[in-house]
Amino acid sequence: MADARPPESLEAQIEPWRSHVLGRAGGQAGEVATLEEQLRAEIAGLARAGLANDETFLRAAKRVGGRAAAAAEFAREQSERGWQQPGAAPAESAVRRARERQEGIVAFGLAVLAAMAVKVPALFGFDIDRDENVYIRNAGLFVLPCLIGFFAWKRQLAAGAVLIASWLVEAKKGVMENMAPMLTRLFTPLFATMLIAFLVAMLVSGRGIDIKREMLIGFDLLLVVVLGLLLYSMSARHPSAPPGVFDGLQVVLVVAALVADAVALWAIGARISEFGFSPNRVAALGENVILLVNLAGSAVLYGRFLLGRGSFASLERWQTGYLPVYALWGAIVVIVFPLLFRSA
């Protein structure tokens, strides 16, 4: 991207910089010329990076200021004056208003397009009052393309974005590593409280879990999320760190999930005894048994670590060694079940 700023504007900013540095450098024109070349190179690089025109010179002057005291003094003075230069404000405001106006027009146009897309099913005989499920299931299909189109236009997506994203992932590992402990400490108490509240409510009401299939599927997904949260917290924890209060909270979460899994197994057994075997029921039964064994082993090993009778590495080995079990059960469901239940 070339520098969009007119050359005379750039020279008008460089001229006082040159005069200031030359006056402080004691007439060493060669040194000033070298600094000016570096300044121009910094300005060009910042412009290619997409920095706004009113920021390129100031940032470039600050960078060059790290190499010469006179240039640093000029950059410092310019920074202090920057808040007292309203002359550029009208032009910048006009550009900003034009950009906002353009964004508003594009957003309104895409909103109209999304509203028209919602009416497409009516062309095929679907009434919004009579066939509301069709509209609910496909709402994302109508609106999402317009939303993606708006952000693609606004952010100017290109193939280079993939490379930039890869660089950010590699360069900002420290930020992501700091996010993992924060997320686990946020969601672990929430899930533990939710599971305990569910178990207490079930105990007080004297009723078991709703044995409807949709409820069981959602409950199994919840247990999978809890297991994923456990794995996530393990990856964010230093293996040599001593046990603490958060580890105790993790044990509470695992034990609550273990009891809830046992309740889910009871509900699945009730469905099988009432309706017989089916591929979905057997798959859910196997999944819950696998989760039950994993959670039981995790509770024992985590409890031993919390009491100082075991190491955290044993819990990590248990989880990593258990991964092939999930793969094996998935292969059985995909390959063996169609052969066993093909007549069902």
C-alpha atoms as a PDB file:
ATOM      1  CA  MET A   1       0.000   0.000   0.000  1.00  0.00           C
ATOM      2  CA  ALA A   2       1.520   3.287  -1.041  1.00  0.00           C
ATOM      3  CA  ASP A   3       1.532   6.330   1.193  1.00  0.00           C
ATOM      4  CA  ALA A   4      -1.712   8.159   0.405  1.00  0.00           C
ATOM      5  CA  ARG A   5      -0.442  11.448   1.905  1.00  0.00           C
ATOM      6  CA  PRO A   6       0.502  14.147  -0.649  1.00  0.00           C
ATOM      7  CA  PRO A   7       4.299  14.592  -0.992  1.00  0.00           C
ATOM      8  CA  GLU A   8       4.085  18.277  -0.026  1.00  0.00           C
ATOM      9  CA  SER A   9       2.373  17.324   3.246  1.00  0.00           C
ATOM     10  CA  LEU A  10       5.145  14.875   4.050  1.00  0.00           C
ATOM     11  CA  GLU A  11       7.865  17.386   3.196  1.00  0.00           C
ATOM     12  CA  ALA A  12       6.097  20.020   5.298  1.00  0.00           C
ATOM     13  CA  GLN A  13       6.421  17.743   8.313  1.00  0.00           C
ATOM     14  CA  ILE A  14       9.978  16.604   7.606  1.00  0.00           C
ATOM     15  CA  GLU A  15      11.323  20.141   7.071  1.00  0.00           C
ATOM     16  CA  PRO A  16      10.901  21.315  10.722  1.00  0.00           C
ATOM     17  CA  TRP A  17      12.227  17.955  11.897  1.00  0.00           C
ATOM     18  CA  ARG A  18      15.335  18.413   9.737  1.00  0.00           C
ATOM     19  CA  SER A  19      15.863  21.972  10.959  1.00  0.00           C
ATOM     20  CA  HIS A  20      15.469  20.942  14.599  1.00  0.00           C
ATOM     21  CA  VAL A  21      17.824  17.967  14.377  1.00  0.00           C
ATOM     22  CA  LEU A  22      20.385  19.898  12.318  1.00  0.00           C
ATOM     23  CA  GLY A  23      20.407  22.704  14.872  1.00  0.00           C
ATOM     24  CA  ARG A  24      20.999  20.260  17.742  1.00  0.00           C
ATOM     25  CA  ALA A  25      23.530  18.135  15.858  1.00  0.00           C
ATOM     26  CA  GLY A  26      26.098  20.918  15.615  1.00  0.00           C
ATOM     27  CA  GLY A  27      26.095  21.126  11.834  1.00  0.00           C
ATOM     28  CA  GLN A  28      26.771  17.414  11.218  1.00  0.00           C
ATOM     29  CA  ALA A  29      24.811  17.273   7.980  1.00  0.00           C
ATOM     30  CA  GLY A  30      25.905  13.717   7.182  1.00  0.00           C
ATOM     31  CA  GLU A  31      24.444  12.359  10.413  1.00  0.00           C
ATOM     32  CA  VAL A  32      21.217  14.296   9.869  1.00  0.00           C
ATOM     33  CA  ALA A  33      20.928  12.947   6.312  1.00  0.00           C
ATOM     34  CA  THR A  34      21.304   9.393   7.613  1.00  0.00           C
ATOM     35  CA  LEU A  35      18.617   9.980  10.231  1.00  0.00           C
ATOM     36  CA  GLU A  36      16.344  11.492   7.579  1.00  0.00           C
ATOM     37  CA  GLU A  37      16.720   8.393   5.399  1.00  0.00           C
ATOM     38  CA  GLN A  38      15.802   6.249   8.378  1.00  0.00           C
ATOM     39  CA  LEU A  39      12.814   8.499   9.104  1.00  0.00           C
ATOM     40  CA  ARG A  40      11.525   8.221   5.528  1.00  0.00           C
ATOM     41  CA  ALA A  41      11.975   4.447   5.609  1.00  0.00           C
ATOM     42  CA  GLU A  42      10.000   4.223   8.857  1.00  0.00           C
ATOM     43  CA  ILE A  43       7.220   6.395   7.405  1.00  0.00           C
ATOM     44  CA  ALA A  44       6.999   4.219   4.300  1.00  0.00           C
ATOM     45  CA  GLY A  45       6.912   1.039   6.369  1.00  0.00           C
ATOM     46  CA  LEU A  46       4.163   2.341   8.653  1.00  0.00           C
ATOM     47  CA  ALA A  47       2.131   3.482   5.654  1.00  0.00           C
ATOM     48  CA  ARG A  48       2.401   0.023   4.077  1.00  0.00           C
ATOM     49  CA  ALA A  49       1.235  -1.485   7.372  1.00  0.00           C
ATOM     50  CA  GLY A  50      -1.986   0.504   7.025  1.00  0.00           C
ATOM     51  CA  LEU A  51      -1.396   3.106   9.733  1.00  0.00           C
ATOM     52  CA  ALA A  52      -3.410   6.296   9.443  1.00  0.00           C
ATOM     53  CA  ASN A  53      -1.619   9.184   7.748  1.00  0.00           C
ATOM     54  CA  ASP A  54      -1.748  11.421  10.799  1.00  0.00           C
ATOM     55  CA  GLU A  55       0.070   8.808  12.875  1.00  0.00           C
ATOM     56  CA  THR A  56       2.836   7.669  10.540  1.00  0.00           C
ATOM     57  CA  PHE A  57       5.105  10.707  10.948  1.00  0.00           C
ATOM     58  CA  LEU A  58       4.757  10.881  14.731  1.00  0.00           C
ATOM     59  CA  ARG A  59       5.437   7.176  15.208  1.00  0.00           C
ATOM     60  CA  ALA A  60       8.346   7.251  12.770  1.00  0.00           C
ATOM     61  CA  ALA A  61       9.838  10.265  14.574  1.00  0.00           C
ATOM     62  CA  LYS A  62       9.573   8.423  17.892  1.00  0.00           C
ATOM     63  CA  ARG A  63      11.342   5.383  16.455  1.00  0.00           C
ATOM     64  CA  VAL A  64      14.157   7.433  14.984  1.00  0.00           C
ATOM     65  CA  GLY A  65      14.301   9.360  18.258  1.00  0.00           C
ATOM     66  CA  GLY A  66      15.637   6.252  19.919  1.00  0.00           C
ATOM     67  CA  ARG A  67      18.794   6.599  17.828  1.00  0.00           C
ATOM     68  CA  ALA A  68      19.569  10.297  18.369  1.00  0.00           C
ATOM     69  CA  ALA A  69      18.929  12.661  21.275  1.00  0.00           C
ATOM     70  CA  ALA A  70      17.971  15.583  19.024  1.00  0.00           C
ATOM     71  CA  ALA A  71      15.399  13.492  17.170  1.00  0.00           C
ATOM     72  CA  ALA A  72      14.033  12.201  20.478  1.00  0.00           C
ATOM     73  CA  GLU A  73      13.575  15.774  21.713  1.00  0.00           C
ATOM     74  CA  PHE A  74      11.661  16.713  18.565  1.00  0.00           C
ATOM     75  CA  ALA A  75       9.412  13.639  18.855  1.00  0.00           C
ATOM     76  CA  ARG A  76       8.668  14.449  22.487  1.00  0.00           C
ATOM     77  CA  GLU A  77       7.737  18.045  21.657  1.00  0.00           C
ATOM     78  CA  GLN A  78       5.530  16.926  18.779  1.00  0.00           C
ATOM     79  CA  SER A  79       3.719  14.472  21.039  1.00  0.00           C
ATOM     80  CA  GLU A  80       2.971  17.238  23.523  1.00  0.00           C
ATOM     81  CA  ARG A  81       1.723  19.531  20.768  1.00  0.00           C
ATOM     82  CA  GLY A  82      -0.352  16.842  19.128  1.00  0.00           C
ATOM     83  CA  TRP A  83      -3.267  17.539  21.443  1.00  0.00           C
ATOM     84  CA  GLN A  84      -3.130  21.260  20.614  1.00  0.00           C
ATOM     85  CA  GLN A  85      -3.366  21.035  16.796  1.00  0.00           C
ATOM     86  CA  PRO A  86      -7.043  21.230  15.861  1.00  0.00           C
ATOM     87  CA  GLY A  87      -6.282  22.239  12.303  1.00  0.00           C
ATOM     88  CA  ALA A  88      -6.424  18.697  11.006  1.00  0.00           C
ATOM     89  CA  ALA A  89      -9.624  17.906  12.897  1.00  0.00           C
ATOM     90  CA  PRO A  90     -12.130  19.143  10.262  1.00  0.00           C
ATOM     91  CA  ALA A  91     -10.552  17.076   7.496  1.00  0.00           C
ATOM     92  CA  GLU A  92     -10.360  13.986   9.670  1.00  0.00           C
ATOM     93  CA  SER A  93     -13.948  14.520  10.834  1.00  0.00           C
ATOM     94  CA  ALA A  94     -15.133  14.832   7.245  1.00  0.00           C
ATOM     95  CA  VAL A  95     -13.405  11.593   6.293  1.00  0.00           C
ATOM     96  CA  ARG A  96     -14.842   9.868   9.352  1.00  0.00           C
ATOM     97  CA  ARG A  97     -18.349  11.108   8.579  1.00  0.00           C
ATOM     98  CA  ALA A  98     -18.063   9.926   4.987  1.00  0.00           C
ATOM     99  CA  ARG A  99     -16.887   6.507   6.142  1.00  0.00           C
ATOM    100  CA  GLU A 100     -19.718   6.215   8.666  1.00  0.00           C
ATOM    101  CA  ARG A 101     -22.232   7.280   6.025  1.00  0.00           C
ATOM    102  CA  GLN A 102     -20.906   4.651   3.634  1.00  0.00           C
ATOM    103  CA  GLU A 103     -21.045   1.961   6.321  1.00  0.00           C
ATOM    104  CA  GLY A 104     -24.625   2.940   7.140  1.00  0.00           C
ATOM    105  CA  ILE A 105     -25.672   2.647   3.497  1.00  0.00           C
ATOM    106  CA  VAL A 106     -24.027  -0.764   3.114  1.00  0.00           C
ATOM    107  CA  ALA A 107     -25.505  -2.016   6.402  1.00  0.00           C
ATOM    108  CA  PHE A 108     -28.986  -0.829   5.410  1.00  0.00           C
ATOM    109  CA  GLY A 109     -28.692  -2.467   1.996  1.00  0.00           C
ATOM    110  CA  LEU A 110     -27.600  -5.779   3.488  1.00  0.00           C
ATOM    111  CA  ALA A 111     -30.407  -5.578   6.065  1.00  0.00           C
ATOM    112  CA  VAL A 112     -32.927  -5.171   3.240  1.00  0.00           C
ATOM    113  CA  LEU A 113     -31.309  -8.111   1.440  1.00  0.00           C
ATOM    114  CA  ALA A 114     -31.597 -10.260   4.592  1.00  0.00           C
ATOM    115  CA  ALA A 115     -35.260  -9.280   4.959  1.00  0.00           C
ATOM    116  CA  MET A 116     -35.876 -10.293   1.349  1.00  0.00           C
ATOM    117  CA  ALA A 117     -34.053 -13.589   1.922  1.00  0.00           C
ATOM    118  CA  VAL A 118     -36.418 -14.394   4.796  1.00  0.00           C
ATOM    119  CA  LYS A 119     -39.274 -14.224   2.278  1.00  0.00           C
ATOM    120  CA  VAL A 120     -37.679 -16.796  -0.044  1.00  0.00           C
ATOM    121  CA  PRO A 121     -39.433 -19.827   1.597  1.00  0.00           C
ATOM    122  CA  ALA A 122     -42.774 -18.166   0.845  1.00  0.00           C
ATOM    123  CA  LEU A 123     -42.016 -18.637  -2.855  1.00  0.00           C
ATOM    124  CA  PHE A 124     -42.051 -22.396  -2.234  1.00  0.00           C
ATOM    125  CA  GLY A 125     -45.327 -22.419  -0.331  1.00  0.00           C
ATOM    126  CA  PHE A 126     -44.045 -22.089   3.251  1.00  0.00           C
ATOM    127  CA  ASP A 127     -46.131 -19.746   5.376  1.00  0.00           C
ATOM    128  CA  ILE A 128     -44.374 -18.027   8.280  1.00  0.00           C
ATOM    129  CA  ASP A 129     -47.331 -18.635  10.626  1.00  0.00           C
ATOM    130  CA  ARG A 130     -48.026 -22.212   9.610  1.00  0.00           C
ATOM    131  CA  ASP A 131     -44.439 -23.381   8.996  1.00  0.00           C
ATOM    132  CA  GLU A 132     -42.623 -21.393  11.647  1.00  0.00           C
ATOM    133  CA  ASN A 133     -40.196 -24.284  12.322  1.00  0.00           C
ATOM    134  CA  VAL A 134     -38.842 -23.971   8.784  1.00  0.00           C
ATOM    135  CA  TYR A 135     -38.078 -20.306   9.358  1.00  0.00           C
ATOM    136  CA  ILE A 136     -36.552 -20.899  12.798  1.00  0.00           C
ATOM    137  CA  ARG A 137     -34.256 -23.676  11.566  1.00  0.00           C
ATOM    138  CA  ASN A 138     -33.067 -21.659   8.576  1.00  0.00           C
ATOM    139  CA  ALA A 139     -32.871 -18.199  10.146  1.00  0.00           C
ATOM    140  CA  GLY A 140     -29.087 -18.365  10.192  1.00  0.00           C
ATOM    141  CA  LEU A 141     -29.037 -19.325   6.518  1.00  0.00           C
ATOM    142  CA  PHE A 142     -30.994 -16.194   5.634  1.00  0.00           C
ATOM    143  CA  VAL A 143     -29.113 -13.685   7.779  1.00  0.00           C
ATOM    144  CA  LEU A 144     -25.585 -15.079   8.164  1.00  0.00           C
ATOM    145  CA  PRO A 145     -24.434 -14.538   4.532  1.00  0.00           C
ATOM    146  CA  CYS A 146     -25.389 -10.860   4.756  1.00  0.00           C
ATOM    147  CA  LEU A 147     -23.608 -10.492   8.082  1.00  0.00           C
ATOM    148  CA  ILE A 148     -20.480 -12.176   6.709  1.00  0.00           C
ATOM    149  CA  GLY A 149     -20.653  -9.957   3.643  1.00  0.00           C
ATOM    150  CA  PHE A 150     -20.782  -6.811   5.781  1.00  0.00           C
ATOM    151  CA  PHE A 151     -17.752  -7.749   7.868  1.00  0.00           C
ATOM    152  CA  ALA A 152     -15.879  -8.959   4.781  1.00  0.00           C
ATOM    153  CA  TRP A 153     -16.446  -5.553   3.193  1.00  0.00           C
ATOM    154  CA  LYS A 154     -15.713  -3.599   6.380  1.00  0.00           C
ATOM    155  CA  ARG A 155     -12.542  -5.480   7.285  1.00  0.00           C
ATOM    156  CA  GLN A 156     -11.330  -5.853   3.688  1.00  0.00           C
ATOM    157  CA  LEU A 157     -10.684  -9.578   4.058  1.00  0.00           C
ATOM    158  CA  ALA A 158      -8.020 -11.055   1.827  1.00  0.00           C
ATOM    159  CA  ALA A 159      -5.830 -14.122   1.580  1.00  0.00           C
ATOM    160  CA  GLY A 160      -3.202 -12.310   3.625  1.00  0.00           C
ATOM    161  CA  ALA A 161      -5.526 -12.420   6.624  1.00  0.00           C
ATOM    162  CA  VAL A 162      -4.799 -16.136   6.966  1.00  0.00           C
ATOM    163  CA  LEU A 163      -1.080 -15.449   7.180  1.00  0.00           C
ATOM    164  CA  ILE A 164      -1.608 -12.602   9.644  1.00  0.00           C
ATOM    165  CA  ALA A 165      -3.780 -14.834  11.825  1.00  0.00           C
ATOM    166  CA  SER A 166      -1.101 -17.528  11.789  1.00  0.00           C
ATOM    167  CA  TRP A 167       1.512 -14.985  12.791  1.00  0.00           C
ATOM    168  CA  LEU A 168      -0.672 -13.713  15.641  1.00  0.00           C
ATOM    169  CA  VAL A 169      -1.182 -17.237  16.967  1.00  0.00           C
ATOM    170  CA  GLU A 170       2.557 -17.808  16.933  1.00  0.00           C
ATOM    171  CA  ALA A 171       3.552 -14.397  18.269  1.00  0.00           C
ATOM    172  CA  LYS A 172       0.895 -14.079  20.967  1.00  0.00           C
ATOM    173  CA  LYS A 173       1.287 -17.462  22.607  1.00  0.00           C
ATOM    174  CA  GLY A 174       1.898 -15.794  25.944  1.00  0.00           C
ATOM    175  CA  VAL A 175      -1.480 -14.040  25.822  1.00  0.00           C
ATOM    176  CA  MET A 176      -3.282 -17.288  25.007  1.00  0.00           C
ATOM    177  CA  GLU A 177      -1.428 -19.137  27.714  1.00  0.00           C
ATOM    178  CA  ASN A 178      -2.589 -16.487  30.173  1.00  0.00           C
ATOM    179  CA  MET A 179      -6.179 -16.811  28.976  1.00  0.00           C
ATOM    180  CA  ALA A 180      -6.381 -20.542  29.709  1.00  0.00           C
ATOM    181  CA  PRO A 181      -6.090 -20.236  33.513  1.00  0.00           C
ATOM    182  CA  MET A 182      -8.478 -17.287  33.508  1.00  0.00           C
ATOM    183  CA  LEU A 183     -11.146 -19.173  31.546  1.00  0.00           C
ATOM    184  CA  THR A 184     -10.855 -22.301  33.665  1.00  0.00           C
ATOM    185  CA  ARG A 185     -11.120 -20.317  36.895  1.00  0.00           C
ATOM    186  CA  LEU A 186     -14.198 -18.597  35.508  1.00  0.00           C
ATOM    187  CA  PHE A 187     -16.138 -21.604  34.205  1.00  0.00           C
ATOM    188  CA  THR A 188     -15.161 -24.295  36.714  1.00  0.00           C
ATOM    189  CA  PRO A 189     -17.124 -22.733  39.618  1.00  0.00           C
ATOM    190  CA  LEU A 190     -20.088 -22.098  37.307  1.00  0.00           C
ATOM    191  CA  PHE A 191     -20.302 -25.692  36.082  1.00  0.00           C
ATOM    192  CA  ALA A 192     -19.682 -27.109  39.550  1.00  0.00           C
ATOM    193  CA  THR A 193     -22.479 -24.964  40.991  1.00  0.00           C
ATOM    194  CA  MET A 194     -24.818 -25.919  38.158  1.00  0.00           C
ATOM    195  CA  LEU A 195     -24.244 -29.665  38.579  1.00  0.00           C
ATOM    196  CA  ILE A 196     -24.595 -29.506  42.361  1.00  0.00           C
ATOM    197  CA  ALA A 197     -27.818 -27.501  42.023  1.00  0.00           C
ATOM    198  CA  PHE A 198     -29.157 -30.088  39.579  1.00  0.00           C
ATOM    199  CA  LEU A 199     -28.349 -32.979  41.914  1.00  0.00           C
ATOM    200  CA  VAL A 200     -29.851 -31.210  44.933  1.00  0.00           C
ATOM    201  CA  ALA A 201     -33.017 -30.342  42.995  1.00  0.00           C
ATOM    202  CA  MET A 202     -33.371 -33.939  41.842  1.00  0.00           C
ATOM    203  CA  LEU A 203     -32.861 -35.202  45.394  1.00  0.00           C
ATOM    204  CA  VAL A 204     -35.368 -32.773  46.899  1.00  0.00           C
ATOM    205  CA  SER A 205     -38.010 -33.383  44.235  1.00  0.00           C
ATOM    206  CA  GLY A 206     -37.564 -37.147  44.404  1.00  0.00           C
ATOM    207  CA  ARG A 207     -37.695 -37.395  40.607  1.00  0.00           C
ATOM    208  CA  GLY A 208     -35.032 -38.741  38.321  1.00  0.00           C
ATOM    209  CA  ILE A 209     -33.724 -37.109  35.227  1.00  0.00           C
ATOM    210  CA  ASP A 210     -36.191 -36.635  32.386  1.00  0.00           C
ATOM    211  CA  ILE A 211     -35.713 -39.680  30.195  1.00  0.00           C
ATOM    212  CA  LYS A 212     -36.651 -37.979  26.939  1.00  0.00           C
ATOM    213  CA  ARG A 213     -34.049 -38.517  24.265  1.00  0.00           C
ATOM    214  CA  GLU A 214     -33.401 -34.815  23.639  1.00  0.00           C
ATOM    215  CA  MET A 215     -32.786 -34.260  27.342  1.00  0.00           C
ATOM    216  CA  LEU A 216     -30.325 -37.139  27.527  1.00  0.00           C
ATOM    217  CA  ILE A 217     -28.406 -35.883  24.501  1.00  0.00           C
ATOM    218  CA  GLY A 218     -28.112 -32.429  26.030  1.00  0.00           C
ATOM    219  CA  PHE A 219     -27.056 -33.906  29.354  1.00  0.00           C
ATOM    220  CA  ASP A 220     -24.360 -36.027  27.706  1.00  0.00           C
ATOM    221  CA  LEU A 221     -23.062 -32.948  25.920  1.00  0.00           C
ATOM    222  CA  LEU A 222     -22.876 -31.197  29.287  1.00  0.00           C
ATOM    223  CA  LEU A 223     -20.752 -34.033  30.688  1.00  0.00           C
ATOM    224  CA  VAL A 224     -18.469 -33.845  27.659  1.00  0.00           C
ATOM    225  CA  VAL A 225     -18.062 -30.105  28.251  1.00  0.00           C
ATOM    226  CA  VAL A 226     -17.177 -30.776  31.897  1.00  0.00           C
ATOM    227  CA  LEU A 227     -14.555 -33.300  30.817  1.00  0.00           C
ATOM    228  CA  GLY A 228     -13.202 -30.815  28.289  1.00  0.00           C
ATOM    229  CA  LEU A 229     -13.034 -28.190  31.021  1.00  0.00           C
ATOM    230  CA  LEU A 230     -11.031 -30.612  33.161  1.00  0.00           C
ATOM    231  CA  LEU A 231      -8.583 -31.240  30.309  1.00  0.00           C
ATOM    232  CA  TYR A 232      -8.344 -27.507  29.646  1.00  0.00           C
ATOM    233  CA  SER A 233      -7.554 -26.764  33.285  1.00  0.00           C
ATOM    234  CA  MET A 234      -4.908 -29.495  33.316  1.00  0.00           C
ATOM    235  CA  SER A 235      -3.228 -27.985  30.261  1.00  0.00           C
ATOM    236  CA  ALA A 236      -3.198 -24.559  31.945  1.00  0.00           C
ATOM    237  CA  ARG A 237      -1.720 -25.838  35.207  1.00  0.00           C
ATOM    238  CA  HIS A 238       1.985 -26.218  35.883  1.00  0.00           C
ATOM    239  CA  PRO A 239       2.646 -29.896  36.773  1.00  0.00           C
ATOM    240  CA  SER A 240       5.065 -29.034  39.575  1.00  0.00           C
ATOM    241  CA  ALA A 241       2.763 -26.501  41.281  1.00  0.00           C
ATOM    242  CA  PRO A 242       1.480 -27.599  44.713  1.00  0.00           C
ATOM    243  CA  PRO A 243      -2.239 -28.364  45.181  1.00  0.00           C
ATOM    244  CA  GLY A 244      -4.426 -25.419  46.053  1.00  0.00           C
ATOM    245  CA  VAL A 245      -8.011 -24.321  46.556  1.00  0.00           C
ATOM    246  CA  PHE A 246      -8.757 -24.406  42.833  1.00  0.00           C
ATOM    247  CA  ASP A 247      -7.665 -28.052  42.695  1.00  0.00           C
ATOM    248  CA  GLY A 248     -10.214 -28.811  45.404  1.00  0.00           C
ATOM    249  CA  LEU A 249     -12.852 -27.092  43.289  1.00  0.00           C
ATOM    250  CA  GLN A 250     -11.824 -29.257  40.348  1.00  0.00           C
ATOM    251  CA  VAL A 251     -12.355 -32.383  42.467  1.00  0.00           C
ATOM    252  CA  VAL A 252     -15.825 -31.118  43.428  1.00  0.00           C
ATOM    253  CA  LEU A 253     -16.619 -30.596  39.736  1.00  0.00           C
ATOM    254  CA  VAL A 254     -15.416 -34.082  38.790  1.00  0.00           C
ATOM    255  CA  VAL A 255     -17.326 -35.789  41.625  1.00  0.00           C
ATOM    256  CA  ALA A 256     -20.517 -33.878  40.775  1.00  0.00           C
ATOM    257  CA  ALA A 257     -20.141 -34.867  37.120  1.00  0.00           C
ATOM    258  CA  LEU A 258     -19.529 -38.475  38.189  1.00  0.00           C
ATOM    259  CA  VAL A 259     -22.775 -38.602  40.181  1.00  0.00           C
ATOM    260  CA  ALA A 260     -24.670 -36.883  37.367  1.00  0.00           C
ATOM    261  CA  ASP A 261     -23.286 -39.418  34.887  1.00  0.00           C
ATOM    262  CA  ALA A 262     -24.543 -42.240  37.096  1.00  0.00           C
ATOM    263  CA  VAL A 263     -28.000 -40.641  37.023  1.00  0.00           C
ATOM    264  CA  ALA A 264     -27.824 -40.417  33.233  1.00  0.00           C
ATOM    265  CA  LEU A 265     -26.873 -44.104  33.055  1.00  0.00           C
ATOM    266  CA  TRP A 266     -29.894 -44.933  35.181  1.00  0.00           C
ATOM    267  CA  ALA A 267     -32.120 -42.987  32.781  1.00  0.00           C
ATOM    268  CA  ILE A 268     -30.607 -44.710  29.739  1.00  0.00           C
ATOM    269  CA  GLY A 269     -31.128 -48.101  31.381  1.00  0.00           C
ATOM    270  CA  ALA A 270     -34.767 -47.160  32.018  1.00  0.00           C
ATOM    271  CA  ARG A 271     -35.253 -46.278  28.355  1.00  0.00           C
ATOM    272  CA  ILE A 272     -33.657 -49.537  27.222  1.00  0.00           C
ATOM    273  CA  SER A 273     -35.813 -51.601  29.584  1.00  0.00           C
ATOM    274  CA  GLU A 274     -38.942 -49.825  28.334  1.00  0.00           C
ATOM    275  CA  PHE A 275     -38.290 -49.524  24.608  1.00  0.00           C
ATOM    276  CA  GLY A 276     -35.570 -52.104  23.969  1.00  0.00           C
ATOM    277  CA  PHE A 277     -32.181 -51.745  22.322  1.00  0.00           C
ATOM    278  CA  SER A 278     -31.527 -49.357  19.452  1.00  0.00           C
ATOM    279  CA  PRO A 279     -28.340 -47.935  17.894  1.00  0.00           C
ATOM    280  CA  ASN A 280     -28.820 -44.558  19.589  1.00  0.00           C
ATOM    281  CA  ARG A 281     -29.494 -46.036  23.026  1.00  0.00           C
ATOM    282  CA  VAL A 282     -26.550 -48.422  22.878  1.00  0.00           C
ATOM    283  CA  ALA A 283     -24.260 -45.634  21.621  1.00  0.00           C
ATOM    284  CA  ALA A 284     -25.403 -43.375  24.473  1.00  0.00           C
ATOM    285  CA  LEU A 285     -24.965 -46.217  26.967  1.00  0.00           C
ATOM    286  CA  GLY A 286     -21.396 -46.865  25.821  1.00  0.00           C
ATOM    287  CA  GLU A 287     -20.551 -43.172  25.808  1.00  0.00           C
ATOM    288  CA  ASN A 288     -21.792 -42.711  29.363  1.00  0.00           C
ATOM    289  CA  VAL A 289     -19.949 -45.794  30.599  1.00  0.00           C
ATOM    290  CA  ILE A 290     -16.728 -44.473  29.050  1.00  0.00           C
ATOM    291  CA  LEU A 291     -17.281 -41.061  30.643  1.00  0.00           C
ATOM    292  CA  LEU A 292     -18.099 -42.703  33.979  1.00  0.00           C
ATOM    293  CA  VAL A 293     -14.829 -44.657  33.995  1.00  0.00           C
ATOM    294  CA  ASN A 294     -12.839 -41.583  32.995  1.00  0.00           C
ATOM    295  CA  LEU A 295     -14.444 -39.375  35.637  1.00  0.00           C
ATOM    296  CA  ALA A 296     -14.032 -42.048  38.320  1.00  0.00           C
ATOM    297  CA  GLY A 297     -10.339 -42.452  37.543  1.00  0.00           C
ATOM    298  CA  SER A 298      -9.881 -38.686  37.420  1.00  0.00           C
ATOM    299  CA  ALA A 299     -11.624 -38.245  40.782  1.00  0.00           C
ATOM    300  CA  VAL A 300      -9.400 -40.864  42.449  1.00  0.00           C
ATOM    301  CA  LEU A 301      -6.138 -39.553  40.978  1.00  0.00           C
ATOM    302  CA  TYR A 302      -7.023 -35.893  41.560  1.00  0.00           C
ATOM    303  CA  GLY A 303      -8.055 -36.681  45.131  1.00  0.00           C
ATOM    304  CA  ARG A 304      -4.756 -38.480  45.771  1.00  0.00           C
ATOM    305  CA  PHE A 305      -2.872 -35.494  44.390  1.00  0.00           C
ATOM    306  CA  LEU A 306      -4.905 -33.126  46.557  1.00  0.00           C
ATOM    307  CA  LEU A 307      -4.072 -35.206  49.660  1.00  0.00           C
ATOM    308  CA  GLY A 308      -0.385 -35.360  48.763  1.00  0.00           C
ATOM    309  CA  ARG A 309      -0.438 -39.098  48.031  1.00  0.00           C
ATOM    310  CA  GLY A 310       0.059 -38.896  44.286  1.00  0.00           C
ATOM    311  CA  SER A 311       1.507 -36.726  41.549  1.00  0.00           C
ATOM    312  CA  PHE A 312      -0.234 -34.544  39.019  1.00  0.00           C
ATOM    313  CA  ALA A 313       1.660 -36.366  36.276  1.00  0.00           C
ATOM    314  CA  SER A 314      -0.325 -39.540  37.014  1.00  0.00           C
ATOM    315  CA  LEU A 315      -3.556 -37.662  36.292  1.00  0.00           C
ATOM    316  CA  GLU A 316      -2.102 -36.355  33.037  1.00  0.00           C
ATOM    317  CA  ARG A 317      -1.023 -39.870  32.025  1.00  0.00           C
ATOM    318  CA  TRP A 318      -4.504 -41.153  32.827  1.00  0.00           C
ATOM    319  CA  GLN A 319      -6.164 -38.610  30.564  1.00  0.00           C
ATOM    320  CA  THR A 320      -3.734 -38.978  27.671  1.00  0.00           C
ATOM    321  CA  GLY A 321      -3.819 -42.764  27.922  1.00  0.00           C
ATOM    322  CA  TYR A 322      -7.623 -42.720  27.839  1.00  0.00           C
ATOM    323  CA  LEU A 323      -7.863 -40.892  24.510  1.00  0.00           C
ATOM    324  CA  PRO A 324      -7.638 -44.105  22.408  1.00  0.00           C
ATOM    325  CA  VAL A 325     -10.743 -45.379  24.227  1.00  0.00           C
ATOM    326  CA  TYR A 326     -12.814 -42.578  22.699  1.00  0.00           C
ATOM    327  CA  ALA A 327     -11.372 -43.301  19.268  1.00  0.00           C
ATOM    328  CA  LEU A 328     -12.099 -47.024  19.631  1.00  0.00           C
ATOM    329  CA  TRP A 329     -15.693 -46.457  20.690  1.00  0.00           C
ATOM    330  CA  GLY A 330     -16.203 -43.979  17.852  1.00  0.00           C
ATOM    331  CA  ALA A 331     -14.888 -46.554  15.374  1.00  0.00           C
ATOM    332  CA  ILE A 332     -17.235 -49.192  16.804  1.00  0.00           C
ATOM    333  CA  VAL A 333     -20.237 -46.883  16.473  1.00  0.00           C
ATOM    334  CA  VAL A 334     -19.351 -45.940  12.892  1.00  0.00           C
ATOM    335  CA  ILE A 335     -18.224 -49.346  11.592  1.00  0.00           C
ATOM    336  CA  VAL A 336     -19.791 -52.080  13.735  1.00  0.00           C
ATOM    337  CA  PHE A 337     -23.182 -50.588  14.601  1.00  0.00           C
ATOM    338  CA  PRO A 338     -24.431 -50.435  10.990  1.00  0.00           C
ATOM    339  CA  LEU A 339     -23.716 -54.163  10.695  1.00  0.00           C
ATOM    340  CA  LEU A 340     -25.366 -55.075  14.007  1.00  0.00           C
ATOM    341  CA  PHE A 341     -28.458 -52.930  13.616  1.00  0.00           C
ATOM    342  CA  ARG A 342     -28.956 -52.948   9.853  1.00  0.00           C
ATOM    343  CA  SER A 343     -32.226 -54.826  10.256  1.00  0.00           C
ATOM    344  CA  ALA A 344     -33.463 -52.496  13.005  1.00  0.00           C
END
